[in-house]
Amino acid sequence: MKAMLLEDVEKLSLTDLPMPECEDGGAVVRVKACGICRTDMKCFYQGQRDLSLPRILGHEMAGIVLKTRSRIGPEPGSHVQVYPGLSCGSCRFCRQGFENLCEHLEIMGFNYDGGFSGYLKIPPRGVAAGVLQPIPSGLSFAEAAMTEPLACCINMLETLEVGVGDNLVIFGAGRFGLLTAMLARRMAVKNVILVEPDQNRRLQAAELGFRNCFGSLDADIGKSLINFTGGSGIDAAVTCCPLPEAFISALNLLSKRGRLGFFSGLVGRDLSGIELNLIHYKELTVMGAYGCSIRHNRAALSMIGSGVIDVRPLITKEIALDELREGLMMVKNQSELSIVVTQF
């Protein structure tokens, strides 16, 4: 089979590999779509905490079950979206339904081969846990591949307990920022406000109906948002970008007893401008969200399948497998919202 193999940092090549064997209790999926994530880009350019090399990247996957040797799960020929986590099923976090925090977690595309290949091997523990989710009728593979990122956004807003009456600020209007905004709008949040320095992305947000989009991260934005909310201030903020400036702005903008969703890891070593004492003085709550659980994944796929969340406008580029390097560059340059490999 053809696969894009990352052998080392920036050493990515189209490779011929043996077809994966179907284990007893496992399955093999023919990959039909795999989204490119910012984390894939990070793996390519500098490595990542969970990455072991050599590795086939890609964790936003959908395809067709080719073989199965399990008495449970979808049968051959089924169209499926693949939840990327391989959990143990028995640790304290798995027992509570937090598979994303499993103490023995492996993730397809990081420490287990992922979806930038013609075929994907699903081990028995993955099939048993339900990582193969049937795709609703009429949904394309590219749309189904957007399930995992949407599920991560569900985890964040659920953890942050965002709801009716909240003034919510989202930093970043890339695909995660827009997916988070779409979810917040569905939850009838009072005001969904985006902060995005890039003009093209602000225009894309406006086309999706998000016209409360500010372009500045400077000090004056605080006054603007206080005026915009009629003096009530910001109840919750989510950082959907890795800039320390966004984290700093969120701490400053939040009203007393506000909630901050720490959604994207910070990039850069100079964090001296972060005034953590504000958490103390303003009684702020800072909550992290890492990946998603199978429950979040199932909810996300249902939302996409029912049309509650329309991801089609976010898929701005489809490419072939051998164009993956160019796709990673597009992610780095932020030239597209979502790039999906659909030609294998």
C-alpha atoms as a PDB file:
ATOM      1  CA  MET A   1       0.000   0.000   0.000  1.00  0.00           C
ATOM      2  CA  LYS A   2       1.019   3.649  -0.420  1.00  0.00           C
ATOM      3  CA  ALA A   3       1.742   5.619   2.746  1.00  0.00           C
ATOM      4  CA  MET A   4       3.354   8.914   3.686  1.00  0.00           C
ATOM      5  CA  LEU A   5       5.961   7.908   6.248  1.00  0.00           C
ATOM      6  CA  LEU A   6       7.566  10.431   8.594  1.00  0.00           C
ATOM      7  CA  GLU A   7      11.023   9.023   9.331  1.00  0.00           C
ATOM      8  CA  ASP A   8      12.404  12.083  11.112  1.00  0.00           C
ATOM      9  CA  VAL A   9      11.689  15.804  11.463  1.00  0.00           C
ATOM     10  CA  GLU A  10      10.967  17.174   7.958  1.00  0.00           C
ATOM     11  CA  LYS A  11      11.801  13.772   6.441  1.00  0.00           C
ATOM     12  CA  LEU A  12       8.506  12.684   4.876  1.00  0.00           C
ATOM     13  CA  SER A  13       8.275  10.360   1.877  1.00  0.00           C
ATOM     14  CA  LEU A  14       5.738   8.399  -0.145  1.00  0.00           C
ATOM     15  CA  THR A  15       6.512   4.767   0.645  1.00  0.00           C
ATOM     16  CA  ASP A  16       5.318   1.320  -0.412  1.00  0.00           C
ATOM     17  CA  LEU A  17       4.459  -0.715   2.684  1.00  0.00           C
ATOM     18  CA  PRO A  18       2.940  -4.186   3.125  1.00  0.00           C
ATOM     19  CA  MET A  19      -0.820  -4.333   3.546  1.00  0.00           C
ATOM     20  CA  PRO A  20      -1.668  -4.476   7.255  1.00  0.00           C
ATOM     21  CA  GLU A  21      -2.787  -7.843   8.590  1.00  0.00           C
ATOM     22  CA  CYS A  22      -6.162  -8.146  10.242  1.00  0.00           C
ATOM     23  CA  GLU A  23      -5.669  -9.433  13.785  1.00  0.00           C
ATOM     24  CA  ASP A  24      -8.117 -11.700  15.546  1.00  0.00           C
ATOM     25  CA  GLY A  25     -10.683  -9.302  16.990  1.00  0.00           C
ATOM     26  CA  GLY A  26      -9.369  -6.419  14.884  1.00  0.00           C
ATOM     27  CA  ALA A  27     -10.199  -4.769  11.550  1.00  0.00           C
ATOM     28  CA  VAL A  28      -8.624  -3.117   8.512  1.00  0.00           C
ATOM     29  CA  VAL A  29     -10.072   0.087   7.064  1.00  0.00           C
ATOM     30  CA  ARG A  30      -9.538   1.411   3.555  1.00  0.00           C
ATOM     31  CA  VAL A  31      -8.872   5.116   4.177  1.00  0.00           C
ATOM     32  CA  LYS A  32     -10.981   7.489   2.071  1.00  0.00           C
ATOM     33  CA  ALA A  33     -10.337  10.787   3.866  1.00  0.00           C
ATOM     34  CA  CYS A  34      -7.901  12.099   6.467  1.00  0.00           C
ATOM     35  CA  GLY A  35      -7.804  15.697   7.635  1.00  0.00           C
ATOM     36  CA  ILE A  36      -4.558  17.568   8.229  1.00  0.00           C
ATOM     37  CA  CYS A  37      -4.312  19.015  11.735  1.00  0.00           C
ATOM     38  CA  ARG A  38      -2.040  21.725  13.069  1.00  0.00           C
ATOM     39  CA  THR A  39      -0.549  19.020  15.285  1.00  0.00           C
ATOM     40  CA  ASP A  40       0.430  17.040  12.175  1.00  0.00           C
ATOM     41  CA  MET A  41       2.248  20.147  11.006  1.00  0.00           C
ATOM     42  CA  LYS A  42       4.000  20.406  14.371  1.00  0.00           C
ATOM     43  CA  CYS A  43       5.028  16.729  14.171  1.00  0.00           C
ATOM     44  CA  PHE A  44       6.538  17.312  10.732  1.00  0.00           C
ATOM     45  CA  TYR A  45       8.473  20.465  11.557  1.00  0.00           C
ATOM     46  CA  GLN A  46       9.605  19.844  15.139  1.00  0.00           C
ATOM     47  CA  GLY A  47       8.194  16.645  16.602  1.00  0.00           C
ATOM     48  CA  GLN A  48       5.603  16.280  19.339  1.00  0.00           C
ATOM     49  CA  ARG A  49       5.337  14.937  22.883  1.00  0.00           C
ATOM     50  CA  ASP A  50       3.421  11.767  21.953  1.00  0.00           C
ATOM     51  CA  LEU A  51       5.121  11.127  18.618  1.00  0.00           C
ATOM     52  CA  SER A  52       7.359   8.101  18.095  1.00  0.00           C
ATOM     53  CA  LEU A  53       9.207   7.696  14.799  1.00  0.00           C
ATOM     54  CA  PRO A  54       9.045   6.394  12.148  1.00  0.00           C
ATOM     55  CA  ARG A  55       5.317   7.041  11.961  1.00  0.00           C
ATOM     56  CA  ILE A  56       2.387   7.399   9.571  1.00  0.00           C
ATOM     57  CA  LEU A  57       0.671  10.602  10.737  1.00  0.00           C
ATOM     58  CA  GLY A  58      -3.030  11.448  10.507  1.00  0.00           C
ATOM     59  CA  HIS A  59      -5.746  11.145  13.144  1.00  0.00           C
ATOM     60  CA  GLU A  60      -8.872  12.667  11.489  1.00  0.00           C
ATOM     61  CA  MET A  61      -9.947   9.600   9.539  1.00  0.00           C
ATOM     62  CA  ALA A  62     -12.852   8.090   7.655  1.00  0.00           C
ATOM     63  CA  GLY A  63     -13.078   5.129   5.311  1.00  0.00           C
ATOM     64  CA  ILE A  64     -14.588   1.744   4.465  1.00  0.00           C
ATOM     65  CA  VAL A  65     -14.164  -1.416   6.538  1.00  0.00           C
ATOM     66  CA  LEU A  66     -12.203  -3.808   4.318  1.00  0.00           C
ATOM     67  CA  LYS A  67     -11.810  -6.740   6.720  1.00  0.00           C
ATOM     68  CA  THR A  68     -12.854  -7.594  10.231  1.00  0.00           C
ATOM     69  CA  ARG A  69     -12.202 -10.548  12.503  1.00  0.00           C
ATOM     70  CA  SER A  70     -14.463  -9.360  15.286  1.00  0.00           C
ATOM     71  CA  ARG A  71     -17.981 -10.414  16.185  1.00  0.00           C
ATOM     72  CA  ILE A  72     -18.757  -6.825  17.174  1.00  0.00           C
ATOM     73  CA  GLY A  73     -18.488  -3.577  15.300  1.00  0.00           C
ATOM     74  CA  PRO A  74     -19.273  -2.627  11.685  1.00  0.00           C
ATOM     75  CA  GLU A  75     -19.115  -5.293   8.987  1.00  0.00           C
ATOM     76  CA  PRO A  76     -16.962  -5.197   5.805  1.00  0.00           C
ATOM     77  CA  GLY A  77     -18.245  -2.572   3.377  1.00  0.00           C
ATOM     78  CA  SER A  78     -19.438  -0.258   6.173  1.00  0.00           C
ATOM     79  CA  HIS A  79     -18.586   3.428   5.910  1.00  0.00           C
ATOM     80  CA  VAL A  80     -16.957   4.481   9.183  1.00  0.00           C
ATOM     81  CA  GLN A  81     -15.330   7.409  10.934  1.00  0.00           C
ATOM     82  CA  VAL A  82     -12.401   6.388  13.129  1.00  0.00           C
ATOM     83  CA  TYR A  83     -11.976   7.713  16.653  1.00  0.00           C
ATOM     84  CA  PRO A  84      -8.159   7.900  16.965  1.00  0.00           C
ATOM     85  CA  GLY A  85      -7.653   6.965  20.620  1.00  0.00           C
ATOM     86  CA  LEU A  86      -6.658   3.450  21.664  1.00  0.00           C
ATOM     87  CA  SER A  87      -7.400   3.267  25.374  1.00  0.00           C
ATOM     88  CA  CYS A  88      -6.911   0.458  27.876  1.00  0.00           C
ATOM     89  CA  GLY A  89     -10.551   0.392  29.008  1.00  0.00           C
ATOM     90  CA  SER A  90      -9.665  -0.436  32.597  1.00  0.00           C
ATOM     91  CA  CYS A  91      -7.819   2.497  34.201  1.00  0.00           C
ATOM     92  CA  ARG A  92      -9.687   4.957  36.458  1.00  0.00           C
ATOM     93  CA  PHE A  93     -10.141   7.484  33.640  1.00  0.00           C
ATOM     94  CA  CYS A  94     -11.460   4.933  31.156  1.00  0.00           C
ATOM     95  CA  ARG A  95     -13.927   3.673  33.751  1.00  0.00           C
ATOM     96  CA  GLN A  96     -15.247   7.234  34.123  1.00  0.00           C
ATOM     97  CA  GLY A  97     -15.652   7.711  30.359  1.00  0.00           C
ATOM     98  CA  PHE A  98     -12.557   9.884  29.897  1.00  0.00           C
ATOM     99  CA  GLU A  99     -10.756   7.681  27.364  1.00  0.00           C
ATOM    100  CA  ASN A 100      -8.792  10.718  26.156  1.00  0.00           C
ATOM    101  CA  LEU A 101      -7.040  10.778  29.548  1.00  0.00           C
ATOM    102  CA  CYS A 102      -6.337   7.035  29.646  1.00  0.00           C
ATOM    103  CA  GLU A 103      -3.182   6.229  31.596  1.00  0.00           C
ATOM    104  CA  HIS A 104      -2.060   3.870  28.803  1.00  0.00           C
ATOM    105  CA  LEU A 105      -3.385   5.815  25.818  1.00  0.00           C
ATOM    106  CA  GLU A 106      -2.027   5.305  22.320  1.00  0.00           C
ATOM    107  CA  ILE A 107      -3.166   7.626  19.543  1.00  0.00           C
ATOM    108  CA  MET A 108      -3.318   6.752  15.875  1.00  0.00           C
ATOM    109  CA  GLY A 109      -1.010   9.113  14.057  1.00  0.00           C
ATOM    110  CA  PHE A 110       1.293   9.666  17.057  1.00  0.00           C
ATOM    111  CA  ASN A 111       2.416   6.441  18.737  1.00  0.00           C
ATOM    112  CA  TYR A 112       0.410   4.140  16.466  1.00  0.00           C
ATOM    113  CA  ASP A 113       0.159   4.436  12.675  1.00  0.00           C
ATOM    114  CA  GLY A 114      -2.524   6.783  11.389  1.00  0.00           C
ATOM    115  CA  GLY A 115      -4.515   7.662   8.316  1.00  0.00           C
ATOM    116  CA  PHE A 116      -2.105   9.121   5.748  1.00  0.00           C
ATOM    117  CA  SER A 117      -1.985   5.735   4.039  1.00  0.00           C
ATOM    118  CA  GLY A 118      -4.157   3.581   1.817  1.00  0.00           C
ATOM    119  CA  TYR A 119      -5.176   1.256   4.639  1.00  0.00           C
ATOM    120  CA  LEU A 120      -5.402   1.487   8.418  1.00  0.00           C
ATOM    121  CA  LYS A 121      -5.029  -1.342  10.922  1.00  0.00           C
ATOM    122  CA  ILE A 122      -7.429  -1.231  13.884  1.00  0.00           C
ATOM    123  CA  PRO A 123      -6.247  -3.404  16.795  1.00  0.00           C
ATOM    124  CA  PRO A 124      -8.713  -5.551  18.771  1.00  0.00           C
ATOM    125  CA  ARG A 125      -8.863  -3.125  21.703  1.00  0.00           C
ATOM    126  CA  GLY A 126      -9.926  -0.360  19.309  1.00  0.00           C
ATOM    127  CA  VAL A 127     -12.724  -2.394  17.764  1.00  0.00           C
ATOM    128  CA  ALA A 128     -13.887  -3.505  21.217  1.00  0.00           C
ATOM    129  CA  ALA A 129     -13.921   0.097  22.477  1.00  0.00           C
ATOM    130  CA  GLY A 130     -16.032   1.266  19.539  1.00  0.00           C
ATOM    131  CA  VAL A 131     -13.551   3.444  17.630  1.00  0.00           C
ATOM    132  CA  LEU A 132     -15.282   2.537  14.343  1.00  0.00           C
ATOM    133  CA  GLN A 133     -18.324   4.783  14.160  1.00  0.00           C
ATOM    134  CA  PRO A 134     -20.872   4.262  11.335  1.00  0.00           C
ATOM    135  CA  ILE A 135     -21.133   7.317   9.064  1.00  0.00           C
ATOM    136  CA  PRO A 136     -24.714   8.613   8.692  1.00  0.00           C
ATOM    137  CA  SER A 137     -26.271   8.152   5.263  1.00  0.00           C
ATOM    138  CA  GLY A 138     -25.484  10.899   2.764  1.00  0.00           C
ATOM    139  CA  LEU A 139     -22.418  12.185   4.587  1.00  0.00           C
ATOM    140  CA  SER A 140     -19.193  12.379   2.584  1.00  0.00           C
ATOM    141  CA  PHE A 141     -15.956  10.908   3.883  1.00  0.00           C
ATOM    142  CA  ALA A 142     -14.386  14.398   3.941  1.00  0.00           C
ATOM    143  CA  GLU A 143     -17.213  15.697   6.149  1.00  0.00           C
ATOM    144  CA  ALA A 144     -16.946  12.665   8.426  1.00  0.00           C
ATOM    145  CA  ALA A 145     -13.209  13.339   8.813  1.00  0.00           C
ATOM    146  CA  MET A 146     -14.154  16.625  10.525  1.00  0.00           C
ATOM    147  CA  THR A 147     -15.713  14.684  13.411  1.00  0.00           C
ATOM    148  CA  GLU A 148     -12.638  14.516  15.640  1.00  0.00           C
ATOM    149  CA  PRO A 149     -11.907  18.281  15.603  1.00  0.00           C
ATOM    150  CA  LEU A 150     -15.575  19.052  16.314  1.00  0.00           C
ATOM    151  CA  ALA A 151     -15.547  16.512  19.158  1.00  0.00           C
ATOM    152  CA  CYS A 152     -12.561  18.325  20.699  1.00  0.00           C
ATOM    153  CA  CYS A 153     -14.574  21.561  20.621  1.00  0.00           C
ATOM    154  CA  ILE A 154     -17.521  19.836  22.301  1.00  0.00           C
ATOM    155  CA  ASN A 155     -15.185  18.684  25.070  1.00  0.00           C
ATOM    156  CA  MET A 156     -13.921  22.230  25.587  1.00  0.00           C
ATOM    157  CA  LEU A 157     -17.296  23.979  25.762  1.00  0.00           C
ATOM    158  CA  GLU A 158     -18.773  21.200  27.889  1.00  0.00           C
ATOM    159  CA  THR A 159     -15.856  21.417  30.332  1.00  0.00           C
ATOM    160  CA  LEU A 160     -16.185  25.209  30.429  1.00  0.00           C
ATOM    161  CA  GLU A 161     -19.957  24.930  31.034  1.00  0.00           C
ATOM    162  CA  VAL A 162     -20.732  27.575  28.432  1.00  0.00           C
ATOM    163  CA  GLY A 163     -24.433  28.300  28.101  1.00  0.00           C
ATOM    164  CA  VAL A 164     -27.307  30.691  27.555  1.00  0.00           C
ATOM    165  CA  GLY A 165     -26.591  34.212  28.774  1.00  0.00           C
ATOM    166  CA  ASP A 166     -22.812  34.000  28.432  1.00  0.00           C
ATOM    167  CA  ASN A 167     -20.684  36.495  26.573  1.00  0.00           C
ATOM    168  CA  LEU A 168     -18.036  34.244  24.985  1.00  0.00           C
ATOM    169  CA  VAL A 169     -14.795  35.378  23.351  1.00  0.00           C
ATOM    170  CA  ILE A 170     -12.967  32.956  21.053  1.00  0.00           C
ATOM    171  CA  PHE A 171      -9.364  33.740  20.133  1.00  0.00           C
ATOM    172  CA  GLY A 172      -8.650  32.532  16.611  1.00  0.00           C
ATOM    173  CA  ALA A 173     -11.003  32.124  13.627  1.00  0.00           C
ATOM    174  CA  GLY A 174      -9.340  29.105  12.056  1.00  0.00           C
ATOM    175  CA  ARG A 175     -11.297  25.881  11.842  1.00  0.00           C
ATOM    176  CA  PHE A 176     -11.197  25.182  15.605  1.00  0.00           C
ATOM    177  CA  GLY A 177     -12.274  28.718  16.398  1.00  0.00           C
ATOM    178  CA  LEU A 178     -15.112  28.556  13.870  1.00  0.00           C
ATOM    179  CA  LEU A 179     -16.234  25.089  14.987  1.00  0.00           C
ATOM    180  CA  THR A 180     -16.277  26.344  18.580  1.00  0.00           C
ATOM    181  CA  ALA A 181     -18.283  29.392  17.464  1.00  0.00           C
ATOM    182  CA  MET A 182     -20.764  27.182  15.589  1.00  0.00           C
ATOM    183  CA  LEU A 183     -21.281  25.064  18.697  1.00  0.00           C
ATOM    184  CA  ALA A 184     -21.688  28.126  20.907  1.00  0.00           C
ATOM    185  CA  ARG A 185     -24.289  29.560  18.531  1.00  0.00           C
ATOM    186  CA  ARG A 186     -26.208  26.286  18.661  1.00  0.00           C
ATOM    187  CA  MET A 187     -26.101  26.485  22.470  1.00  0.00           C
ATOM    188  CA  ALA A 188     -27.759  29.927  22.298  1.00  0.00           C
ATOM    189  CA  VAL A 189     -24.825  31.730  23.890  1.00  0.00           C
ATOM    190  CA  LYS A 190     -25.774  35.398  24.289  1.00  0.00           C
ATOM    191  CA  ASN A 191     -22.831  36.812  22.327  1.00  0.00           C
ATOM    192  CA  VAL A 192     -20.188  34.916  20.361  1.00  0.00           C
ATOM    193  CA  ILE A 193     -17.209  37.206  19.776  1.00  0.00           C
ATOM    194  CA  LEU A 194     -14.169  36.243  17.699  1.00  0.00           C
ATOM    195  CA  VAL A 195     -10.715  37.808  17.864  1.00  0.00           C
ATOM    196  CA  GLU A 196      -8.704  37.158  14.696  1.00  0.00           C
ATOM    197  CA  PRO A 197      -5.852  39.343  13.367  1.00  0.00           C
ATOM    198  CA  ASP A 198      -6.021  37.874   9.838  1.00  0.00           C
ATOM    199  CA  GLN A 199      -8.446  39.826   7.638  1.00  0.00           C
ATOM    200  CA  ASN A 200      -9.238  36.910   5.303  1.00  0.00           C
ATOM    201  CA  ARG A 201     -10.275  34.757   8.231  1.00  0.00           C
ATOM    202  CA  ARG A 202     -12.420  37.552   9.615  1.00  0.00           C
ATOM    203  CA  LEU A 203     -14.172  37.713   6.249  1.00  0.00           C
ATOM    204  CA  GLN A 204     -14.679  33.938   6.264  1.00  0.00           C
ATOM    205  CA  ALA A 205     -16.157  34.199   9.766  1.00  0.00           C
ATOM    206  CA  ALA A 206     -18.541  36.922   8.568  1.00  0.00           C
ATOM    207  CA  GLU A 207     -19.669  34.716   5.671  1.00  0.00           C
ATOM    208  CA  LEU A 208     -20.614  32.083   8.250  1.00  0.00           C
ATOM    209  CA  GLY A 209     -22.686  34.645  10.135  1.00  0.00           C
ATOM    210  CA  PHE A 210     -20.139  35.682  12.784  1.00  0.00           C
ATOM    211  CA  ARG A 211     -19.943  39.432  12.361  1.00  0.00           C
ATOM    212  CA  ASN A 212     -18.757  40.190  15.889  1.00  0.00           C
ATOM    213  CA  CYS A 213     -15.154  39.675  14.912  1.00  0.00           C
ATOM    214  CA  PHE A 214     -12.384  41.943  16.195  1.00  0.00           C
ATOM    215  CA  GLY A 215      -8.964  42.099  14.595  1.00  0.00           C
ATOM    216  CA  SER A 216      -6.820  43.406  17.429  1.00  0.00           C
ATOM    217  CA  LEU A 217      -5.103  41.849  20.413  1.00  0.00           C
ATOM    218  CA  ASP A 218      -4.042  45.228  21.825  1.00  0.00           C
ATOM    219  CA  ALA A 219      -5.164  46.852  25.065  1.00  0.00           C
ATOM    220  CA  ASP A 220      -8.006  48.817  23.446  1.00  0.00           C
ATOM    221  CA  ILE A 221      -9.945  45.646  22.704  1.00  0.00           C
ATOM    222  CA  GLY A 222     -10.935  45.418  26.369  1.00  0.00           C
ATOM    223  CA  LYS A 223     -12.756  48.745  26.241  1.00  0.00           C
ATOM    224  CA  SER A 224     -14.398  47.783  22.940  1.00  0.00           C
ATOM    225  CA  LEU A 225     -15.730  44.525  24.311  1.00  0.00           C
ATOM    226  CA  ILE A 226     -16.988  46.094  27.533  1.00  0.00           C
ATOM    227  CA  ASN A 227     -18.941  48.582  25.405  1.00  0.00           C
ATOM    228  CA  PHE A 228     -20.127  45.840  23.080  1.00  0.00           C
ATOM    229  CA  THR A 229     -21.559  43.799  25.958  1.00  0.00           C
ATOM    230  CA  GLY A 230     -23.273  46.808  27.470  1.00  0.00           C
ATOM    231  CA  GLY A 231     -20.918  46.828  30.417  1.00  0.00           C
ATOM    232  CA  SER A 232     -21.627  43.267  31.531  1.00  0.00           C
ATOM    233  CA  GLY A 233     -18.195  42.025  30.447  1.00  0.00           C
ATOM    234  CA  ILE A 234     -16.865  38.683  29.266  1.00  0.00           C
ATOM    235  CA  ASP A 235     -18.025  35.538  31.053  1.00  0.00           C
ATOM    236  CA  ALA A 236     -15.929  32.964  29.206  1.00  0.00           C
ATOM    237  CA  ALA A 237     -13.017  32.835  26.775  1.00  0.00           C
ATOM    238  CA  VAL A 238     -11.446  30.064  24.716  1.00  0.00           C
ATOM    239  CA  THR A 239      -7.971  30.239  23.176  1.00  0.00           C
ATOM    240  CA  CYS A 240      -8.146  28.445  19.814  1.00  0.00           C
ATOM    241  CA  CYS A 241      -4.670  29.575  18.837  1.00  0.00           C
ATOM    242  CA  PRO A 242      -1.242  28.936  20.393  1.00  0.00           C
ATOM    243  CA  LEU A 243      -0.154  32.558  20.859  1.00  0.00           C
ATOM    244  CA  PRO A 244       0.809  33.623  24.403  1.00  0.00           C
ATOM    245  CA  GLU A 245      -0.744  37.020  23.548  1.00  0.00           C
ATOM    246  CA  ALA A 246      -4.156  35.350  23.309  1.00  0.00           C
ATOM    247  CA  PHE A 247      -3.780  33.765  26.744  1.00  0.00           C
ATOM    248  CA  ILE A 248      -2.674  37.123  28.186  1.00  0.00           C
ATOM    249  CA  SER A 249      -5.602  38.944  26.562  1.00  0.00           C
ATOM    250  CA  ALA A 250      -8.056  36.344  27.830  1.00  0.00           C
ATOM    251  CA  LEU A 251      -6.899  36.773  31.434  1.00  0.00           C
ATOM    252  CA  ASN A 252      -7.183  40.541  31.111  1.00  0.00           C
ATOM    253  CA  LEU A 253     -10.549  40.559  29.343  1.00  0.00           C
ATOM    254  CA  LEU A 254     -12.439  38.163  31.568  1.00  0.00           C
ATOM    255  CA  SER A 255     -14.782  39.584  34.155  1.00  0.00           C
ATOM    256  CA  LYS A 256     -14.469  38.583  37.781  1.00  0.00           C
ATOM    257  CA  ARG A 257     -15.304  34.887  38.230  1.00  0.00           C
ATOM    258  CA  GLY A 258     -14.872  34.390  34.479  1.00  0.00           C
ATOM    259  CA  ARG A 259     -13.846  31.055  32.918  1.00  0.00           C
ATOM    260  CA  LEU A 260     -10.932  30.468  30.578  1.00  0.00           C
ATOM    261  CA  GLY A 261     -10.793  27.429  28.308  1.00  0.00           C
ATOM    262  CA  PHE A 262      -7.167  26.479  27.672  1.00  0.00           C
ATOM    263  CA  PHE A 263      -7.710  24.720  24.359  1.00  0.00           C
ATOM    264  CA  SER A 264      -4.479  25.190  22.432  1.00  0.00           C
ATOM    265  CA  GLY A 265      -1.005  24.665  23.849  1.00  0.00           C
ATOM    266  CA  LEU A 266       1.209  27.741  23.909  1.00  0.00           C
ATOM    267  CA  VAL A 267       4.003  28.159  21.374  1.00  0.00           C
ATOM    268  CA  GLY A 268       7.120  30.115  22.342  1.00  0.00           C
ATOM    269  CA  ARG A 269       9.339  30.338  25.372  1.00  0.00           C
ATOM    270  CA  ASP A 270       8.701  33.924  26.443  1.00  0.00           C
ATOM    271  CA  LEU A 271       5.717  33.634  28.769  1.00  0.00           C
ATOM    272  CA  SER A 272       6.858  36.445  31.042  1.00  0.00           C
ATOM    273  CA  GLY A 273       3.892  38.627  30.087  1.00  0.00           C
ATOM    274  CA  ILE A 274       1.313  36.215  31.543  1.00  0.00           C
ATOM    275  CA  GLU A 275       0.019  37.678  34.793  1.00  0.00           C
ATOM    276  CA  LEU A 276      -1.139  34.564  36.624  1.00  0.00           C
ATOM    277  CA  ASN A 277      -2.013  36.591  39.697  1.00  0.00           C
ATOM    278  CA  LEU A 278      -5.130  37.709  37.818  1.00  0.00           C
ATOM    279  CA  ILE A 279      -6.509  34.210  38.367  1.00  0.00           C
ATOM    280  CA  HIS A 280      -6.271  34.924  42.091  1.00  0.00           C
ATOM    281  CA  TYR A 281      -7.459  38.531  42.116  1.00  0.00           C
ATOM    282  CA  LYS A 282     -10.420  37.995  39.780  1.00  0.00           C
ATOM    283  CA  GLU A 283     -11.303  34.480  41.010  1.00  0.00           C
ATOM    284  CA  LEU A 284     -10.964  33.143  37.496  1.00  0.00           C
ATOM    285  CA  THR A 285     -11.393  29.494  36.592  1.00  0.00           C
ATOM    286  CA  VAL A 286      -8.925  28.076  34.060  1.00  0.00           C
ATOM    287  CA  MET A 287      -9.889  24.725  32.561  1.00  0.00           C
ATOM    288  CA  GLY A 288      -7.992  22.623  30.036  1.00  0.00           C
ATOM    289  CA  ALA A 289      -9.368  20.287  27.383  1.00  0.00           C
ATOM    290  CA  TYR A 290      -7.284  17.585  25.709  1.00  0.00           C
ATOM    291  CA  GLY A 291      -8.692  15.749  22.725  1.00  0.00           C
ATOM    292  CA  CYS A 292     -12.086  14.120  23.135  1.00  0.00           C
ATOM    293  CA  SER A 293     -13.780  10.998  24.439  1.00  0.00           C
ATOM    294  CA  ILE A 294     -15.699   8.458  22.369  1.00  0.00           C
ATOM    295  CA  ARG A 295     -18.889  10.043  23.729  1.00  0.00           C
ATOM    296  CA  HIS A 296     -17.832  13.446  22.388  1.00  0.00           C
ATOM    297  CA  ASN A 297     -16.875  11.819  19.077  1.00  0.00           C
ATOM    298  CA  ARG A 298     -20.252  10.122  18.774  1.00  0.00           C
ATOM    299  CA  ALA A 299     -22.070  13.405  19.510  1.00  0.00           C
ATOM    300  CA  ALA A 300     -19.971  15.286  16.939  1.00  0.00           C
ATOM    301  CA  LEU A 301     -20.648  12.738  14.187  1.00  0.00           C
ATOM    302  CA  SER A 302     -24.364  12.922  14.946  1.00  0.00           C
ATOM    303  CA  MET A 303     -24.328  16.728  14.721  1.00  0.00           C
ATOM    304  CA  ILE A 304     -22.534  16.669  11.375  1.00  0.00           C
ATOM    305  CA  GLY A 305     -24.723  13.886  10.028  1.00  0.00           C
ATOM    306  CA  SER A 306     -27.956  15.636  10.989  1.00  0.00           C
ATOM    307  CA  GLY A 307     -26.817  18.975   9.573  1.00  0.00           C
ATOM    308  CA  VAL A 308     -26.905  20.688  12.956  1.00  0.00           C
ATOM    309  CA  ILE A 309     -23.270  21.654  12.330  1.00  0.00           C
ATOM    310  CA  ASP A 310     -22.455  22.165   8.637  1.00  0.00           C
ATOM    311  CA  VAL A 311     -18.735  21.571   8.180  1.00  0.00           C
ATOM    312  CA  ARG A 312     -18.745  21.824   4.385  1.00  0.00           C
ATOM    313  CA  PRO A 313     -17.831  25.545   4.255  1.00  0.00           C
ATOM    314  CA  LEU A 314     -14.755  24.795   6.379  1.00  0.00           C
ATOM    315  CA  ILE A 315     -13.335  22.219   3.953  1.00  0.00           C
ATOM    316  CA  THR A 316     -11.533  24.592   1.622  1.00  0.00           C
ATOM    317  CA  LYS A 317      -8.982  22.206   0.073  1.00  0.00           C
ATOM    318  CA  GLU A 318      -8.903  18.516  -0.873  1.00  0.00           C
ATOM    319  CA  ILE A 319      -5.581  17.010  -1.948  1.00  0.00           C
ATOM    320  CA  ALA A 320      -3.916  13.730  -2.920  1.00  0.00           C
ATOM    321  CA  LEU A 321      -1.811  11.648  -0.540  1.00  0.00           C
ATOM    322  CA  ASP A 322       1.433  12.495  -2.323  1.00  0.00           C
ATOM    323  CA  GLU A 323       0.674  16.212  -1.812  1.00  0.00           C
ATOM    324  CA  LEU A 324       0.783  15.895   1.983  1.00  0.00           C
ATOM    325  CA  ARG A 325       3.984  17.939   2.328  1.00  0.00           C
ATOM    326  CA  GLU A 326       2.310  20.811   0.443  1.00  0.00           C
ATOM    327  CA  GLY A 327      -0.763  20.406   2.641  1.00  0.00           C
ATOM    328  CA  LEU A 328       1.338  20.719   5.791  1.00  0.00           C
ATOM    329  CA  MET A 329       2.818  23.910   4.348  1.00  0.00           C
ATOM    330  CA  MET A 330      -0.708  25.257   3.773  1.00  0.00           C
ATOM    331  CA  VAL A 331      -1.489  24.623   7.441  1.00  0.00           C
ATOM    332  CA  LYS A 332       1.700  26.424   8.456  1.00  0.00           C
ATOM    333  CA  ASN A 333       0.880  29.405   6.228  1.00  0.00           C
ATOM    334  CA  GLN A 334      -2.801  29.405   7.267  1.00  0.00           C
ATOM    335  CA  SER A 335      -3.815  29.632   3.616  1.00  0.00           C
ATOM    336  CA  GLU A 336      -6.802  27.254   4.046  1.00  0.00           C
ATOM    337  CA  LEU A 337      -9.316  26.572   6.813  1.00  0.00           C
ATOM    338  CA  SER A 338      -9.371  22.774   6.506  1.00  0.00           C
ATOM    339  CA  ILE A 339      -7.324  20.544   4.219  1.00  0.00           C
ATOM    340  CA  VAL A 340      -8.382  16.934   3.731  1.00  0.00           C
ATOM    341  CA  VAL A 341      -6.520  14.188   1.911  1.00  0.00           C
ATOM    342  CA  THR A 342      -9.160  12.427  -0.201  1.00  0.00           C
ATOM    343  CA  GLN A 343      -7.157  10.875  -3.037  1.00  0.00           C
ATOM    344  CA  PHE A 344      -5.258   7.729  -2.080  1.00  0.00           C
END
